[in-house]
Amino acid sequence: MEILRTPEARFDGLADFGFEPHYVDVDVGDGSGDRLRIHYLDEGSEHGALILLMHGEPSWSYLYRKMIPILVDAGFRVVAPDLVGFGRSDKPAARTDYTYQRMVDWMEAALIDELILDDITLFCQDWGGLIGLRLVAAHPDRFHRVMAANTGLPIGNRIPPPAFLEWQRFSQTVPEFPTSRIVQRGTVTELSAAEMAAYDAPFPDESYKSAARILPTLVPTSADDPSRAAQLLAWETLSTFGKPFITAFSDRDAITRGGQAVFQKKIPGAHRMEHVTIIGAGHFLQEDQPEQICTHLMDFVSMHS
């Protein structure tokens, strides 16, 4: 497996991102013995309650730069990893190197096996939920609370909304994958030139974008999807998950609109909970309403300690 690593100089002086990088190595899992370096942020007191922030596609932990200081100031420990193929994490070069299962396995190796995170409050969005919720299902004892935002855990039994099908088509046909513009199209607020540059920083050229390109096609959308069996198995566990679980979907996201209903209905821990709507936010709600999200998240932890 050819593995690319974004030069560190690409991350120098990013806007509002003065966090110290941390790294952990995990096995590629193909029998070669090769290792992947995975980046994560680890801010706040080691004795604070742990909040795990998981990003989606095609963003990286930079997406959480506005939320992390709020949570740290409130006394939390905050861990925010970069998925493999994104941010400061290593990037396998071939699109075929990526499968849904591998994305889960790599994060499981980093967060559970290496960092040994426990008593976790998970906040997950987009692919952060597709991966993070699989980890909850695999290790329900390690997760104490979950807040799911603009995400899903599909099993391929429903036709996706037109906005998602268009996103899939776009991702595979656009000659140059416009990372920062994709993030901008998913926000209500206007990103600055410096913020746009930060979303482009992990990708010096198109060869670094294999994960960003392929992930839209790995979302299960048909009954014969190779991930369907694993998704159904995950739902078996989640259908018995009784710990606090709330949804925090935004009001202006055409891709995931209505997806919160599945979680609210099927997960016992979501029953009789006060679910919230993030007002004035697009798909990347962390950019649009970080204070609003943090207020709900901190209240959620406080009410269910």
C-alpha atoms as a PDB file:
ATOM      1  CA  MET A   1       0.000   0.000   0.000  1.00  0.00           C
ATOM      2  CA  GLU A   2       1.403   3.367  -1.007  1.00  0.00           C
ATOM      3  CA  ILE A   3       0.897   5.818   1.841  1.00  0.00           C
ATOM      4  CA  LEU A   4       1.115   9.592   1.440  1.00  0.00           C
ATOM      5  CA  ARG A   5       1.867  11.994   4.269  1.00  0.00           C
ATOM      6  CA  THR A   6       1.027  15.682   3.982  1.00  0.00           C
ATOM      7  CA  PRO A   7       4.136  17.807   4.710  1.00  0.00           C
ATOM      8  CA  GLU A   8       3.922  19.453   8.136  1.00  0.00           C
ATOM      9  CA  ALA A   9       4.674  22.829   6.596  1.00  0.00           C
ATOM     10  CA  ARG A  10       1.199  22.769   5.052  1.00  0.00           C
ATOM     11  CA  PHE A  11      -0.240  23.198   8.563  1.00  0.00           C
ATOM     12  CA  ASP A  12       1.934  26.084   9.690  1.00  0.00           C
ATOM     13  CA  GLY A  13       0.080  29.184  10.801  1.00  0.00           C
ATOM     14  CA  LEU A  14      -3.458  27.990  10.176  1.00  0.00           C
ATOM     15  CA  ALA A  15      -6.165  30.406  11.250  1.00  0.00           C
ATOM     16  CA  ASP A  16      -7.343  29.891  14.857  1.00  0.00           C
ATOM     17  CA  PHE A  17      -5.672  26.509  15.101  1.00  0.00           C
ATOM     18  CA  GLY A  18      -2.926  26.672  17.694  1.00  0.00           C
ATOM     19  CA  PHE A  19      -3.432  23.145  19.022  1.00  0.00           C
ATOM     20  CA  GLU A  20      -0.567  20.717  19.584  1.00  0.00           C
ATOM     21  CA  PRO A  21      -0.640  17.715  17.234  1.00  0.00           C
ATOM     22  CA  HIS A  22      -0.512  14.175  18.613  1.00  0.00           C
ATOM     23  CA  TYR A  23       0.025  10.966  16.686  1.00  0.00           C
ATOM     24  CA  VAL A  24      -0.557   7.248  17.061  1.00  0.00           C
ATOM     25  CA  ASP A  25       0.489   4.475  14.671  1.00  0.00           C
ATOM     26  CA  VAL A  26      -1.793   1.586  13.709  1.00  0.00           C
ATOM     27  CA  ASP A  27      -1.353  -1.451  11.507  1.00  0.00           C
ATOM     28  CA  VAL A  28      -2.654  -1.085   7.962  1.00  0.00           C
ATOM     29  CA  GLY A  29      -4.334  -4.450   8.325  1.00  0.00           C
ATOM     30  CA  ASP A  30      -3.424  -5.928   4.958  1.00  0.00           C
ATOM     31  CA  GLY A  31      -0.780  -8.307   6.281  1.00  0.00           C
ATOM     32  CA  SER A  32       2.093  -6.172   5.024  1.00  0.00           C
ATOM     33  CA  GLY A  33       3.114  -4.888   8.426  1.00  0.00           C
ATOM     34  CA  ASP A  34       2.882  -1.309   7.169  1.00  0.00           C
ATOM     35  CA  ARG A  35       1.757   1.335   9.653  1.00  0.00           C
ATOM     36  CA  LEU A  36      -0.516   4.340   9.355  1.00  0.00           C
ATOM     37  CA  ARG A  37       0.097   7.483  11.367  1.00  0.00           C
ATOM     38  CA  ILE A  38      -3.155   8.917  12.709  1.00  0.00           C
ATOM     39  CA  HIS A  39      -3.345  12.451  14.047  1.00  0.00           C
ATOM     40  CA  TYR A  40      -5.500  13.599  16.942  1.00  0.00           C
ATOM     41  CA  LEU A  41      -5.948  16.622  19.146  1.00  0.00           C
ATOM     42  CA  ASP A  42      -6.009  16.120  22.909  1.00  0.00           C
ATOM     43  CA  GLU A  43      -6.904  19.296  24.779  1.00  0.00           C
ATOM     44  CA  GLY A  44      -7.939  20.110  28.326  1.00  0.00           C
ATOM     45  CA  SER A  45      -7.371  18.417  31.659  1.00  0.00           C
ATOM     46  CA  GLU A  46      -6.639  14.721  31.626  1.00  0.00           C
ATOM     47  CA  HIS A  47      -8.973  14.502  34.611  1.00  0.00           C
ATOM     48  CA  GLY A  48     -11.885  16.162  32.822  1.00  0.00           C
ATOM     49  CA  ALA A  49     -14.854  14.258  31.437  1.00  0.00           C
ATOM     50  CA  LEU A  50     -13.936  13.039  27.957  1.00  0.00           C
ATOM     51  CA  ILE A  51     -15.660  14.347  24.840  1.00  0.00           C
ATOM     52  CA  LEU A  52     -14.727  12.694  21.542  1.00  0.00           C
ATOM     53  CA  LEU A  53     -15.359  14.864  18.486  1.00  0.00           C
ATOM     54  CA  MET A  54     -15.461  12.996  15.181  1.00  0.00           C
ATOM     55  CA  HIS A  55     -15.488  14.852  11.861  1.00  0.00           C
ATOM     56  CA  GLY A  56     -16.780  13.848   8.466  1.00  0.00           C
ATOM     57  CA  GLU A  57     -16.024  14.249   4.780  1.00  0.00           C
ATOM     58  CA  PRO A  58     -14.062  16.139   3.405  1.00  0.00           C
ATOM     59  CA  SER A  59     -13.210  18.086   6.572  1.00  0.00           C
ATOM     60  CA  TRP A  60     -10.772  17.343   9.401  1.00  0.00           C
ATOM     61  CA  SER A  61     -10.298  18.258  13.066  1.00  0.00           C
ATOM     62  CA  TYR A  62      -9.959  21.904  12.011  1.00  0.00           C
ATOM     63  CA  LEU A  63     -13.761  21.798  11.881  1.00  0.00           C
ATOM     64  CA  TYR A  64     -13.803  21.726  15.682  1.00  0.00           C
ATOM     65  CA  ARG A  65     -11.440  24.652  16.316  1.00  0.00           C
ATOM     66  CA  LYS A  66     -14.297  26.870  17.569  1.00  0.00           C
ATOM     67  CA  MET A  67     -15.831  24.235  19.837  1.00  0.00           C
ATOM     68  CA  ILE A  68     -12.682  22.914  21.510  1.00  0.00           C
ATOM     69  CA  PRO A  69     -11.828  26.073  23.520  1.00  0.00           C
ATOM     70  CA  ILE A  70     -15.411  26.360  24.796  1.00  0.00           C
ATOM     71  CA  LEU A  71     -15.418  22.763  25.998  1.00  0.00           C
ATOM     72  CA  VAL A  72     -11.930  22.969  27.488  1.00  0.00           C
ATOM     73  CA  ASP A  73     -12.827  26.162  29.381  1.00  0.00           C
ATOM     74  CA  ALA A  74     -15.781  24.256  30.836  1.00  0.00           C
ATOM     75  CA  GLY A  75     -13.404  21.636  32.242  1.00  0.00           C
ATOM     76  CA  PHE A  76     -13.666  18.862  29.659  1.00  0.00           C
ATOM     77  CA  ARG A  77     -10.934  16.815  28.055  1.00  0.00           C
ATOM     78  CA  VAL A  78     -11.470  16.935  24.291  1.00  0.00           C
ATOM     79  CA  VAL A  79     -10.079  14.426  21.788  1.00  0.00           C
ATOM     80  CA  ALA A  80     -10.564  15.095  18.076  1.00  0.00           C
ATOM     81  CA  PRO A  81      -8.942  12.657  15.617  1.00  0.00           C
ATOM     82  CA  ASP A  82      -8.402  13.049  11.893  1.00  0.00           C
ATOM     83  CA  LEU A  83      -9.843  10.150   9.940  1.00  0.00           C
ATOM     84  CA  VAL A  84      -7.359   8.253   7.782  1.00  0.00           C
ATOM     85  CA  GLY A  85      -7.097  10.114   4.487  1.00  0.00           C
ATOM     86  CA  PHE A  86      -7.845  13.492   6.049  1.00  0.00           C
ATOM     87  CA  GLY A  87      -6.127  16.268   7.959  1.00  0.00           C
ATOM     88  CA  ARG A  88      -2.723  15.400   9.369  1.00  0.00           C
ATOM     89  CA  SER A  89      -3.420  11.661   9.250  1.00  0.00           C
ATOM     90  CA  ASP A  90      -1.725   9.476   6.636  1.00  0.00           C
ATOM     91  CA  LYS A  91      -3.421   9.041   3.282  1.00  0.00           C
ATOM     92  CA  PRO A  92      -3.340   5.713   1.414  1.00  0.00           C
ATOM     93  CA  ALA A  93      -2.903   6.678  -2.221  1.00  0.00           C
ATOM     94  CA  ALA A  94      -5.318   4.336  -4.012  1.00  0.00           C
ATOM     95  CA  ARG A  95      -9.075   4.704  -3.805  1.00  0.00           C
ATOM     96  CA  THR A  96      -9.317   0.924  -3.538  1.00  0.00           C
ATOM     97  CA  ASP A  97      -7.337   1.096  -0.281  1.00  0.00           C
ATOM     98  CA  TYR A  98     -10.455   2.477   1.403  1.00  0.00           C
ATOM     99  CA  THR A  99     -13.444   0.466   2.524  1.00  0.00           C
ATOM    100  CA  TYR A 100     -16.057   1.310   5.117  1.00  0.00           C
ATOM    101  CA  GLN A 101     -14.780  -1.538   7.294  1.00  0.00           C
ATOM    102  CA  ARG A 102     -11.189  -0.358   7.077  1.00  0.00           C
ATOM    103  CA  MET A 103     -12.201   3.167   8.088  1.00  0.00           C
ATOM    104  CA  VAL A 104     -13.875   1.696  11.170  1.00  0.00           C
ATOM    105  CA  ASP A 105     -10.981  -0.652  11.918  1.00  0.00           C
ATOM    106  CA  TRP A 106      -8.369   2.105  11.706  1.00  0.00           C
ATOM    107  CA  MET A 107     -10.275   4.364  14.101  1.00  0.00           C
ATOM    108  CA  GLU A 108     -10.951   1.446  16.435  1.00  0.00           C
ATOM    109  CA  ALA A 109      -7.237   0.643  16.516  1.00  0.00           C
ATOM    110  CA  ALA A 110      -6.331   4.275  17.212  1.00  0.00           C
ATOM    111  CA  LEU A 111      -8.993   5.274  19.724  1.00  0.00           C
ATOM    112  CA  ILE A 112      -9.801   2.025  21.503  1.00  0.00           C
ATOM    113  CA  ASP A 113      -6.701  -0.166  21.193  1.00  0.00           C
ATOM    114  CA  GLU A 114      -3.961   2.469  21.333  1.00  0.00           C
ATOM    115  CA  LEU A 115      -5.407   5.473  23.194  1.00  0.00           C
ATOM    116  CA  ILE A 116      -7.694   3.223  25.283  1.00  0.00           C
ATOM    117  CA  LEU A 117     -10.387   5.898  25.524  1.00  0.00           C
ATOM    118  CA  ASP A 118     -13.160   5.141  27.985  1.00  0.00           C
ATOM    119  CA  ASP A 119     -16.237   6.763  29.560  1.00  0.00           C
ATOM    120  CA  ILE A 120     -16.680   8.651  26.300  1.00  0.00           C
ATOM    121  CA  THR A 121     -19.224  11.282  25.344  1.00  0.00           C
ATOM    122  CA  LEU A 122     -19.319  11.105  21.544  1.00  0.00           C
ATOM    123  CA  PHE A 123     -20.252  14.008  19.303  1.00  0.00           C
ATOM    124  CA  CYS A 124     -20.298  12.826  15.697  1.00  0.00           C
ATOM    125  CA  GLN A 125     -21.223  14.362  12.359  1.00  0.00           C
ATOM    126  CA  ASP A 126     -21.321  13.033   8.778  1.00  0.00           C
ATOM    127  CA  TRP A 127     -18.769  10.194   8.388  1.00  0.00           C
ATOM    128  CA  GLY A 128     -17.821  10.812  12.006  1.00  0.00           C
ATOM    129  CA  GLY A 129     -21.164   9.203  12.773  1.00  0.00           C
ATOM    130  CA  LEU A 130     -20.917   6.413  10.220  1.00  0.00           C
ATOM    131  CA  ILE A 131     -17.657   5.419  11.890  1.00  0.00           C
ATOM    132  CA  GLY A 132     -18.264   6.606  15.445  1.00  0.00           C
ATOM    133  CA  LEU A 133     -21.600   4.835  15.814  1.00  0.00           C
ATOM    134  CA  ARG A 134     -20.020   1.616  14.616  1.00  0.00           C
ATOM    135  CA  LEU A 135     -17.522   2.028  17.465  1.00  0.00           C
ATOM    136  CA  VAL A 136     -20.361   2.585  19.914  1.00  0.00           C
ATOM    137  CA  ALA A 137     -21.947  -0.635  18.705  1.00  0.00           C
ATOM    138  CA  ALA A 138     -18.668  -2.542  18.976  1.00  0.00           C
ATOM    139  CA  HIS A 139     -17.752  -1.120  22.402  1.00  0.00           C
ATOM    140  CA  PRO A 140     -20.945   0.036  24.117  1.00  0.00           C
ATOM    141  CA  ASP A 141     -19.280  -0.244  27.513  1.00  0.00           C
ATOM    142  CA  ARG A 142     -16.791   2.513  26.597  1.00  0.00           C
ATOM    143  CA  PHE A 143     -19.408   5.079  25.571  1.00  0.00           C
ATOM    144  CA  HIS A 144     -21.445   6.864  28.224  1.00  0.00           C
ATOM    145  CA  ARG A 145     -23.374   9.330  26.059  1.00  0.00           C
ATOM    146  CA  VAL A 146     -23.880  10.075  22.350  1.00  0.00           C
ATOM    147  CA  MET A 147     -24.920  13.234  20.509  1.00  0.00           C
ATOM    148  CA  ALA A 148     -25.432  12.541  16.800  1.00  0.00           C
ATOM    149  CA  ALA A 149     -25.544  15.470  14.374  1.00  0.00           C
ATOM    150  CA  ASN A 150     -26.247  15.432  10.630  1.00  0.00           C
ATOM    151  CA  THR A 151     -25.270  11.803  10.238  1.00  0.00           C
ATOM    152  CA  GLY A 152     -26.704   8.328   9.830  1.00  0.00           C
ATOM    153  CA  LEU A 153     -26.028   4.607   9.921  1.00  0.00           C
ATOM    154  CA  PRO A 154     -27.711   3.442   6.700  1.00  0.00           C
ATOM    155  CA  ILE A 155     -28.309  -0.178   5.777  1.00  0.00           C
ATOM    156  CA  GLY A 156     -29.099   0.414   2.101  1.00  0.00           C
ATOM    157  CA  ASN A 157     -32.833  -0.164   2.357  1.00  0.00           C
ATOM    158  CA  ARG A 158     -33.930   3.321   1.302  1.00  0.00           C
ATOM    159  CA  ILE A 159     -33.361   5.518  -1.714  1.00  0.00           C
ATOM    160  CA  PRO A 160     -31.149   8.408  -0.567  1.00  0.00           C
ATOM    161  CA  PRO A 161     -32.404  11.986  -0.943  1.00  0.00           C
ATOM    162  CA  PRO A 162     -31.672  13.673  -4.289  1.00  0.00           C
ATOM    163  CA  ALA A 163     -29.123  15.970  -2.651  1.00  0.00           C
ATOM    164  CA  PHE A 164     -27.032  12.979  -1.598  1.00  0.00           C
ATOM    165  CA  LEU A 165     -27.247  11.269  -4.979  1.00  0.00           C
ATOM    166  CA  GLU A 166     -26.091  14.481  -6.613  1.00  0.00           C
ATOM    167  CA  TRP A 167     -23.205  14.659  -4.115  1.00  0.00           C
ATOM    168  CA  GLN A 168     -22.173  11.107  -5.024  1.00  0.00           C
ATOM    169  CA  ARG A 169     -22.240  11.914  -8.717  1.00  0.00           C
ATOM    170  CA  PHE A 170     -20.323  15.144  -8.242  1.00  0.00           C
ATOM    171  CA  SER A 171     -17.620  13.477  -6.152  1.00  0.00           C
ATOM    172  CA  GLN A 172     -16.846  10.979  -8.903  1.00  0.00           C
ATOM    173  CA  THR A 173     -17.021  13.249 -11.924  1.00  0.00           C
ATOM    174  CA  VAL A 174     -15.605  16.648 -10.962  1.00  0.00           C
ATOM    175  CA  PRO A 175     -12.113  16.972 -12.526  1.00  0.00           C
ATOM    176  CA  GLU A 176     -10.598  18.650  -9.451  1.00  0.00           C
ATOM    177  CA  PHE A 177     -12.099  17.879  -6.057  1.00  0.00           C
ATOM    178  CA  PRO A 178     -12.687  21.345  -4.498  1.00  0.00           C
ATOM    179  CA  THR A 179     -12.321  20.536  -0.810  1.00  0.00           C
ATOM    180  CA  SER A 180     -12.754  23.971   0.725  1.00  0.00           C
ATOM    181  CA  ARG A 181     -15.572  24.902  -1.631  1.00  0.00           C
ATOM    182  CA  ILE A 182     -17.422  21.729  -0.636  1.00  0.00           C
ATOM    183  CA  VAL A 183     -17.199  22.745   3.008  1.00  0.00           C
ATOM    184  CA  GLN A 184     -18.327  26.250   2.088  1.00  0.00           C
ATOM    185  CA  ARG A 185     -21.345  24.895   0.223  1.00  0.00           C
ATOM    186  CA  GLY A 186     -22.316  23.029   3.388  1.00  0.00           C
ATOM    187  CA  THR A 187     -22.252  26.082   5.655  1.00  0.00           C
ATOM    188  CA  VAL A 188     -24.533  29.066   6.158  1.00  0.00           C
ATOM    189  CA  THR A 189     -21.739  31.414   7.190  1.00  0.00           C
ATOM    190  CA  GLU A 190     -19.088  32.586   4.744  1.00  0.00           C
ATOM    191  CA  LEU A 191     -15.614  31.179   5.327  1.00  0.00           C
ATOM    192  CA  SER A 192     -12.643  33.523   5.185  1.00  0.00           C
ATOM    193  CA  ALA A 193      -9.813  33.012   2.714  1.00  0.00           C
ATOM    194  CA  ALA A 194      -7.654  31.765   5.595  1.00  0.00           C
ATOM    195  CA  GLU A 195     -10.284  29.245   6.653  1.00  0.00           C
ATOM    196  CA  MET A 196     -10.697  28.031   3.088  1.00  0.00           C
ATOM    197  CA  ALA A 197      -6.921  27.580   2.887  1.00  0.00           C
ATOM    198  CA  ALA A 198      -6.996  25.509   6.081  1.00  0.00           C
ATOM    199  CA  TYR A 199      -9.522  23.092   4.579  1.00  0.00           C
ATOM    200  CA  ASP A 200      -7.309  22.743   1.512  1.00  0.00           C
ATOM    201  CA  ALA A 201      -4.095  22.351   3.534  1.00  0.00           C
ATOM    202  CA  PRO A 202      -4.201  18.537   3.948  1.00  0.00           C
ATOM    203  CA  PHE A 203      -4.289  18.029   0.167  1.00  0.00           C
ATOM    204  CA  PRO A 204      -1.241  19.360  -1.712  1.00  0.00           C
ATOM    205  CA  ASP A 205      -2.612  17.906  -4.947  1.00  0.00           C
ATOM    206  CA  GLU A 206      -5.241  15.501  -6.254  1.00  0.00           C
ATOM    207  CA  SER A 207      -3.193  12.423  -5.372  1.00  0.00           C
ATOM    208  CA  TYR A 208      -3.887  13.086  -1.669  1.00  0.00           C
ATOM    209  CA  LYS A 209      -7.663  13.114  -2.120  1.00  0.00           C
ATOM    210  CA  SER A 210      -8.442   9.424  -2.605  1.00  0.00           C
ATOM    211  CA  ALA A 211     -10.382   9.168   0.645  1.00  0.00           C
ATOM    212  CA  ALA A 212     -12.288  12.369  -0.020  1.00  0.00           C
ATOM    213  CA  ARG A 213     -13.168  11.072  -3.472  1.00  0.00           C
ATOM    214  CA  ILE A 214     -14.231   7.553  -2.567  1.00  0.00           C
ATOM    215  CA  LEU A 215     -16.089   7.953   0.735  1.00  0.00           C
ATOM    216  CA  PRO A 216     -19.344   9.213  -0.830  1.00  0.00           C
ATOM    217  CA  THR A 217     -19.580   5.930  -2.751  1.00  0.00           C
ATOM    218  CA  LEU A 218     -18.989   3.850   0.409  1.00  0.00           C
ATOM    219  CA  VAL A 219     -22.196   5.020   2.090  1.00  0.00           C
ATOM    220  CA  PRO A 220     -24.575   2.026   1.854  1.00  0.00           C
ATOM    221  CA  THR A 221     -27.341   2.855  -0.623  1.00  0.00           C
ATOM    222  CA  SER A 222     -28.486  -0.590  -1.804  1.00  0.00           C
ATOM    223  CA  ALA A 223     -29.476  -3.924  -0.304  1.00  0.00           C
ATOM    224  CA  ASP A 224     -26.425  -5.635  -1.819  1.00  0.00           C
ATOM    225  CA  ASP A 225     -23.916  -3.171  -0.345  1.00  0.00           C
ATOM    226  CA  PRO A 226     -20.871  -5.011   1.090  1.00  0.00           C
ATOM    227  CA  SER A 227     -21.251  -3.128   4.378  1.00  0.00           C
ATOM    228  CA  ARG A 228     -24.878  -4.100   4.918  1.00  0.00           C
ATOM    229  CA  ALA A 229     -24.188  -7.100   7.170  1.00  0.00           C
ATOM    230  CA  ALA A 230     -21.911  -5.096   9.449  1.00  0.00           C
ATOM    231  CA  GLN A 231     -24.442  -2.260   9.572  1.00  0.00           C
ATOM    232  CA  LEU A 232     -27.245  -4.614  10.547  1.00  0.00           C
ATOM    233  CA  LEU A 233     -25.061  -6.129  13.253  1.00  0.00           C
ATOM    234  CA  ALA A 234     -24.295  -2.658  14.593  1.00  0.00           C
ATOM    235  CA  TRP A 235     -27.993  -1.830  14.689  1.00  0.00           C
ATOM    236  CA  GLU A 236     -28.639  -5.003  16.712  1.00  0.00           C
ATOM    237  CA  THR A 237     -26.465  -3.555  19.466  1.00  0.00           C
ATOM    238  CA  LEU A 238     -27.704   0.011  19.099  1.00  0.00           C
ATOM    239  CA  SER A 239     -31.282  -1.216  19.393  1.00  0.00           C
ATOM    240  CA  THR A 240     -30.374  -2.234  22.960  1.00  0.00           C
ATOM    241  CA  PHE A 241     -28.217   0.826  23.776  1.00  0.00           C
ATOM    242  CA  GLY A 242     -29.919   2.397  26.766  1.00  0.00           C
ATOM    243  CA  LYS A 243     -27.398   5.078  27.667  1.00  0.00           C
ATOM    244  CA  PRO A 244     -28.243   8.744  26.956  1.00  0.00           C
ATOM    245  CA  PHE A 245     -28.475   9.392  23.216  1.00  0.00           C
ATOM    246  CA  ILE A 246     -29.728  12.592  21.613  1.00  0.00           C
ATOM    247  CA  THR A 247     -29.816  14.031  18.125  1.00  0.00           C
ATOM    248  CA  ALA A 248     -28.711  17.558  17.236  1.00  0.00           C
ATOM    249  CA  PHE A 249     -29.433  17.894  13.532  1.00  0.00           C
ATOM    250  CA  SER A 250     -29.337  21.328  11.934  1.00  0.00           C
ATOM    251  CA  ASP A 251     -32.256  23.081  10.285  1.00  0.00           C
ATOM    252  CA  ARG A 252     -30.590  23.734   6.914  1.00  0.00           C
ATOM    253  CA  ASP A 253     -29.053  20.448   5.804  1.00  0.00           C
ATOM    254  CA  ALA A 254     -30.738  18.938   2.745  1.00  0.00           C
ATOM    255  CA  ILE A 255     -28.571  15.807   2.830  1.00  0.00           C
ATOM    256  CA  THR A 256     -29.431  14.468   6.299  1.00  0.00           C
ATOM    257  CA  ARG A 257     -32.773  16.195   6.912  1.00  0.00           C
ATOM    258  CA  GLY A 258     -35.141  13.871   8.761  1.00  0.00           C
ATOM    259  CA  GLY A 259     -32.452  11.322   9.555  1.00  0.00           C
ATOM    260  CA  GLN A 260     -32.737  11.972  13.277  1.00  0.00           C
ATOM    261  CA  ALA A 261     -36.082  10.160  13.351  1.00  0.00           C
ATOM    262  CA  VAL A 262     -34.399   6.777  12.856  1.00  0.00           C
ATOM    263  CA  PHE A 263     -32.177   7.232  15.914  1.00  0.00           C
ATOM    264  CA  GLN A 264     -35.004   8.612  18.024  1.00  0.00           C
ATOM    265  CA  LYS A 265     -37.195   5.630  17.201  1.00  0.00           C
ATOM    266  CA  LYS A 266     -34.753   2.718  17.255  1.00  0.00           C
ATOM    267  CA  ILE A 267     -32.308   3.502  20.082  1.00  0.00           C
ATOM    268  CA  PRO A 268     -33.711   3.017  23.599  1.00  0.00           C
ATOM    269  CA  GLY A 269     -31.378   5.625  25.047  1.00  0.00           C
ATOM    270  CA  ALA A 270     -32.970   8.201  22.739  1.00  0.00           C
ATOM    271  CA  HIS A 271     -36.498   7.574  23.998  1.00  0.00           C
ATOM    272  CA  ARG A 272     -37.997  10.319  26.160  1.00  0.00           C
ATOM    273  CA  MET A 273     -34.940  12.510  25.611  1.00  0.00           C
ATOM    274  CA  GLU A 274     -34.996  16.216  24.793  1.00  0.00           C
ATOM    275  CA  HIS A 275     -33.590  16.197  21.272  1.00  0.00           C
ATOM    276  CA  VAL A 276     -32.441  19.514  19.855  1.00  0.00           C
ATOM    277  CA  THR A 277     -32.332  21.304  16.527  1.00  0.00           C
ATOM    278  CA  ILE A 278     -29.337  23.493  15.747  1.00  0.00           C
ATOM    279  CA  ILE A 279     -30.837  26.676  14.355  1.00  0.00           C
ATOM    280  CA  GLY A 280     -29.194  28.608  11.542  1.00  0.00           C
ATOM    281  CA  ALA A 281     -26.749  25.900  10.493  1.00  0.00           C
ATOM    282  CA  GLY A 282     -25.968  23.907   7.374  1.00  0.00           C
ATOM    283  CA  HIS A 283     -24.403  20.471   7.005  1.00  0.00           C
ATOM    284  CA  PHE A 284     -21.173  21.573   8.692  1.00  0.00           C
ATOM    285  CA  LEU A 285     -22.966  22.929  11.722  1.00  0.00           C
ATOM    286  CA  GLN A 286     -19.714  23.165  13.691  1.00  0.00           C
ATOM    287  CA  GLU A 287     -18.740  26.110  11.482  1.00  0.00           C
ATOM    288  CA  ASP A 288     -22.097  27.840  11.715  1.00  0.00           C
ATOM    289  CA  GLN A 289     -23.184  27.426  15.336  1.00  0.00           C
ATOM    290  CA  PRO A 290     -20.328  26.205  17.579  1.00  0.00           C
ATOM    291  CA  GLU A 291     -21.577  28.032  20.679  1.00  0.00           C
ATOM    292  CA  GLN A 292     -25.101  26.676  20.258  1.00  0.00           C
ATOM    293  CA  ILE A 293     -23.818  23.124  19.842  1.00  0.00           C
ATOM    294  CA  CYS A 294     -21.539  23.390  22.871  1.00  0.00           C
ATOM    295  CA  THR A 295     -24.342  24.744  25.037  1.00  0.00           C
ATOM    296  CA  HIS A 296     -26.543  21.778  24.167  1.00  0.00           C
ATOM    297  CA  LEU A 297     -23.649  19.352  24.519  1.00  0.00           C
ATOM    298  CA  MET A 298     -22.611  20.657  27.932  1.00  0.00           C
ATOM    299  CA  ASP A 299     -26.223  20.644  29.142  1.00  0.00           C
ATOM    300  CA  PHE A 300     -26.560  17.071  27.890  1.00  0.00           C
ATOM    301  CA  VAL A 301     -23.529  15.933  29.876  1.00  0.00           C
ATOM    302  CA  SER A 302     -24.651  17.832  32.979  1.00  0.00           C
ATOM    303  CA  MET A 303     -28.169  16.416  32.907  1.00  0.00           C
ATOM    304  CA  HIS A 304     -27.014  12.824  32.373  1.00  0.00           C
ATOM    305  CA  SER A 305     -23.920  12.493  34.529  1.00  0.00           C
END
